[in-house]
Amino acid sequence: MRSSIAATASSAVSSALNTAQQAIQNTINAAVAAAPISFDSGSSDLGALDVATINAVAIPLKGNDTKVRVTTYGPDLALAKARGDNVAAELESAGVDKDRITVRAETAPNDPDVAVDNAKIEVVSD
């Protein structure tokens, strides 16, 4: 009987966590859709609007343990990494613990559906 109750409780907690993470992702998506985090070609610099978007993304990440992955692209890995590191640094300065942020830098794919001069921020599970 106890194992059945424990399994039910575990399932309920897992479901609530997934729902909370999805809500955070939806908030992030809305902020980034309203004002994408973008870079000038060949640059890793963030503009004032980019910083404002990153600050908006940080709001739902405060007060919880949610982890995020920042994905950035560039013509080479050095630029892609610099872009991701700049976004991560802004998230950290907005109050998100750096241990909760990972950066994935990639060279620009030959896929027209990928916005290579934009940053993507996704909630990730542990």
C-alpha atoms as a PDB file:
ATOM      1  CA  MET A   1       0.000   0.000   0.000  1.00  0.00           C
ATOM      2  CA  ARG A   2       2.760   2.460   0.905  1.00  0.00           C
ATOM      3  CA  SER A   3       4.612   1.793  -2.330  1.00  0.00           C
ATOM      4  CA  SER A   4       1.446   2.556  -4.276  1.00  0.00           C
ATOM      5  CA  ILE A   5       0.982   5.844  -2.413  1.00  0.00           C
ATOM      6  CA  ALA A   6       4.647   6.717  -2.912  1.00  0.00           C
ATOM      7  CA  ALA A   7       4.405   5.972  -6.639  1.00  0.00           C
ATOM      8  CA  THR A   8       1.280   8.125  -6.939  1.00  0.00           C
ATOM      9  CA  ALA A   9       2.933  10.980  -5.030  1.00  0.00           C
ATOM     10  CA  SER A  10       6.072  10.702  -7.146  1.00  0.00           C
ATOM     11  CA  SER A  11       3.993  10.800 -10.314  1.00  0.00           C
ATOM     12  CA  ALA A  12       2.087  13.864  -9.081  1.00  0.00           C
ATOM     13  CA  VAL A  13       5.310  15.695  -8.217  1.00  0.00           C
ATOM     14  CA  SER A  14       6.824  14.830 -11.599  1.00  0.00           C
ATOM     15  CA  SER A  15       3.704  16.036 -13.393  1.00  0.00           C
ATOM     16  CA  ALA A  16       3.670  19.315 -11.433  1.00  0.00           C
ATOM     17  CA  LEU A  17       7.362  19.864 -12.188  1.00  0.00           C
ATOM     18  CA  ASN A  18       6.816  19.265 -15.906  1.00  0.00           C
ATOM     19  CA  THR A  19       3.874  21.682 -15.885  1.00  0.00           C
ATOM     20  CA  ALA A  20       5.935  24.348 -14.097  1.00  0.00           C
ATOM     21  CA  GLN A  21       8.858  23.920 -16.490  1.00  0.00           C
ATOM     22  CA  GLN A  22       6.510  24.177 -19.469  1.00  0.00           C
ATOM     23  CA  ALA A  23       5.013  27.375 -18.057  1.00  0.00           C
ATOM     24  CA  ILE A  24       8.509  28.845 -17.661  1.00  0.00           C
ATOM     25  CA  GLN A  25       9.403  27.806 -21.221  1.00  0.00           C
ATOM     26  CA  ASN A  26       6.206  29.417 -22.518  1.00  0.00           C
ATOM     27  CA  THR A  27       7.107  32.677 -20.752  1.00  0.00           C
ATOM     28  CA  ILE A  28      10.623  32.559 -22.199  1.00  0.00           C
ATOM     29  CA  ASN A  29       9.244  31.861 -25.666  1.00  0.00           C
ATOM     30  CA  ALA A  30       6.860  34.819 -25.410  1.00  0.00           C
ATOM     31  CA  ALA A  31       9.649  37.202 -24.376  1.00  0.00           C
ATOM     32  CA  VAL A  32      11.977  36.025 -27.139  1.00  0.00           C
ATOM     33  CA  ALA A  33       9.205  36.091 -29.756  1.00  0.00           C
ATOM     34  CA  ALA A  34       8.343  39.678 -28.826  1.00  0.00           C
ATOM     35  CA  ALA A  35      11.978  40.822 -29.033  1.00  0.00           C
ATOM     36  CA  PRO A  36      14.442  38.197 -30.292  1.00  0.00           C
ATOM     37  CA  ILE A  37      17.969  38.135 -28.897  1.00  0.00           C
ATOM     38  CA  SER A  38      19.915  38.835 -32.069  1.00  0.00           C
ATOM     39  CA  PHE A  39      23.430  39.651 -33.158  1.00  0.00           C
ATOM     40  CA  ASP A  40      24.805  41.671 -36.008  1.00  0.00           C
ATOM     41  CA  SER A  41      26.580  39.508 -38.551  1.00  0.00           C
ATOM     42  CA  GLY A  42      30.071  38.711 -37.283  1.00  0.00           C
ATOM     43  CA  SER A  43      29.428  40.209 -33.830  1.00  0.00           C
ATOM     44  CA  SER A  44      28.789  38.830 -30.346  1.00  0.00           C
ATOM     45  CA  ASP A  45      27.699  42.175 -28.888  1.00  0.00           C
ATOM     46  CA  LEU A  46      24.300  42.499 -27.252  1.00  0.00           C
ATOM     47  CA  GLY A  47      22.229  45.627 -27.750  1.00  0.00           C
ATOM     48  CA  ALA A  48      19.954  47.327 -25.226  1.00  0.00           C
ATOM     49  CA  LEU A  49      16.862  45.523 -26.568  1.00  0.00           C
ATOM     50  CA  ASP A  50      18.661  42.179 -26.281  1.00  0.00           C
ATOM     51  CA  VAL A  51      19.540  42.916 -22.648  1.00  0.00           C
ATOM     52  CA  ALA A  52      15.916  43.883 -21.962  1.00  0.00           C
ATOM     53  CA  THR A  53      14.756  40.568 -23.439  1.00  0.00           C
ATOM     54  CA  ILE A  54      17.296  38.644 -21.355  1.00  0.00           C
ATOM     55  CA  ASN A  55      16.088  40.481 -18.235  1.00  0.00           C
ATOM     56  CA  ALA A  56      12.511  39.457 -19.114  1.00  0.00           C
ATOM     57  CA  VAL A  57      13.651  35.853 -19.580  1.00  0.00           C
ATOM     58  CA  ALA A  58      15.347  35.924 -16.162  1.00  0.00           C
ATOM     59  CA  ILE A  59      12.161  36.874 -14.298  1.00  0.00           C
ATOM     60  CA  PRO A  60      10.481  33.430 -14.365  1.00  0.00           C
ATOM     61  CA  LEU A  61      13.843  31.787 -13.611  1.00  0.00           C
ATOM     62  CA  LYS A  62      14.210  33.523 -10.259  1.00  0.00           C
ATOM     63  CA  GLY A  63      13.153  31.693  -7.119  1.00  0.00           C
ATOM     64  CA  ASN A  64      13.390  28.181  -8.552  1.00  0.00           C
ATOM     65  CA  ASP A  65      15.981  25.647  -9.713  1.00  0.00           C
ATOM     66  CA  THR A  66      15.056  25.627 -13.393  1.00  0.00           C
ATOM     67  CA  LYS A  67      18.039  25.084 -15.681  1.00  0.00           C
ATOM     68  CA  VAL A  68      18.333  26.566 -19.151  1.00  0.00           C
ATOM     69  CA  ARG A  69      20.452  26.023 -22.231  1.00  0.00           C
ATOM     70  CA  VAL A  70      21.462  28.947 -24.420  1.00  0.00           C
ATOM     71  CA  THR A  71      22.074  27.901 -28.021  1.00  0.00           C
ATOM     72  CA  THR A  72      23.932  30.243 -30.352  1.00  0.00           C
ATOM     73  CA  TYR A  73      25.363  29.887 -33.834  1.00  0.00           C
ATOM     74  CA  GLY A  74      28.130  31.557 -35.761  1.00  0.00           C
ATOM     75  CA  PRO A  75      30.239  31.094 -38.865  1.00  0.00           C
ATOM     76  CA  ASP A  76      32.807  29.557 -36.518  1.00  0.00           C
ATOM     77  CA  LEU A  77      32.659  28.090 -33.023  1.00  0.00           C
ATOM     78  CA  ALA A  78      34.618  30.959 -31.450  1.00  0.00           C
ATOM     79  CA  LEU A  79      31.968  33.519 -32.436  1.00  0.00           C
ATOM     80  CA  ALA A  80      29.113  31.173 -31.533  1.00  0.00           C
ATOM     81  CA  LYS A  81      30.664  30.589 -28.098  1.00  0.00           C
ATOM     82  CA  ALA A  82      31.266  34.307 -27.517  1.00  0.00           C
ATOM     83  CA  ARG A  83      27.606  34.969 -28.331  1.00  0.00           C
ATOM     84  CA  GLY A  84      26.407  32.270 -25.937  1.00  0.00           C
ATOM     85  CA  ASP A  85      28.778  33.398 -23.200  1.00  0.00           C
ATOM     86  CA  ASN A  86      27.483  36.972 -23.504  1.00  0.00           C
ATOM     87  CA  VAL A  87      23.866  35.828 -23.168  1.00  0.00           C
ATOM     88  CA  ALA A  88      24.788  33.618 -20.189  1.00  0.00           C
ATOM     89  CA  ALA A  89      26.648  36.500 -18.521  1.00  0.00           C
ATOM     90  CA  GLU A  90      23.605  38.752 -18.897  1.00  0.00           C
ATOM     91  CA  LEU A  91      21.334  36.064 -17.435  1.00  0.00           C
ATOM     92  CA  GLU A  92      23.720  35.759 -14.507  1.00  0.00           C
ATOM     93  CA  SER A  93      23.803  39.524 -13.967  1.00  0.00           C
ATOM     94  CA  ALA A  94      19.980  39.443 -14.008  1.00  0.00           C
ATOM     95  CA  GLY A  95      20.013  37.019 -11.075  1.00  0.00           C
ATOM     96  CA  VAL A  96      20.147  33.539 -12.602  1.00  0.00           C
ATOM     97  CA  ASP A  97      22.791  31.316 -10.976  1.00  0.00           C
ATOM     98  CA  LYS A  98      25.484  30.493 -13.539  1.00  0.00           C
ATOM     99  CA  ASP A  99      25.370  26.827 -12.482  1.00  0.00           C
ATOM    100  CA  ARG A 100      21.874  26.684 -13.974  1.00  0.00           C
ATOM    101  CA  ILE A 101      22.982  27.957 -17.397  1.00  0.00           C
ATOM    102  CA  THR A 102      24.693  25.910 -20.077  1.00  0.00           C
ATOM    103  CA  VAL A 103      25.836  27.224 -23.430  1.00  0.00           C
ATOM    104  CA  ARG A 104      25.700  25.219 -26.634  1.00  0.00           C
ATOM    105  CA  ALA A 105      27.647  26.883 -29.420  1.00  0.00           C
ATOM    106  CA  GLU A 106      27.414  25.538 -32.943  1.00  0.00           C
ATOM    107  CA  THR A 107      28.578  26.510 -36.387  1.00  0.00           C
ATOM    108  CA  ALA A 108      25.792  27.866 -38.557  1.00  0.00           C
ATOM    109  CA  PRO A 109      23.867  25.043 -40.198  1.00  0.00           C
ATOM    110  CA  ASN A 110      22.780  25.168 -43.808  1.00  0.00           C
ATOM    111  CA  ASP A 111      19.147  25.195 -42.689  1.00  0.00           C
ATOM    112  CA  PRO A 112      17.046  28.199 -43.720  1.00  0.00           C
ATOM    113  CA  ASP A 113      14.725  27.584 -40.739  1.00  0.00           C
ATOM    114  CA  VAL A 114      17.528  28.276 -38.228  1.00  0.00           C
ATOM    115  CA  ALA A 115      17.998  31.939 -37.321  1.00  0.00           C
ATOM    116  CA  VAL A 116      21.798  31.837 -37.103  1.00  0.00           C
ATOM    117  CA  ASP A 117      22.153  35.367 -35.699  1.00  0.00           C
ATOM    118  CA  ASN A 118      19.647  34.735 -32.880  1.00  0.00           C
ATOM    119  CA  ALA A 119      20.026  33.098 -29.486  1.00  0.00           C
ATOM    120  CA  LYS A 120      17.658  30.381 -28.334  1.00  0.00           C
ATOM    121  CA  ILE A 121      16.950  29.729 -24.638  1.00  0.00           C
ATOM    122  CA  GLU A 122      15.388  26.438 -23.571  1.00  0.00           C
ATOM    123  CA  VAL A 123      14.428  24.930 -20.244  1.00  0.00           C
ATOM    124  CA  VAL A 124      16.288  21.671 -19.707  1.00  0.00           C
ATOM    125  CA  SER A 125      15.728  18.913 -17.201  1.00  0.00           C
ATOM    126  CA  ASP A 126      18.475  17.856 -14.829  1.00  0.00           C
END
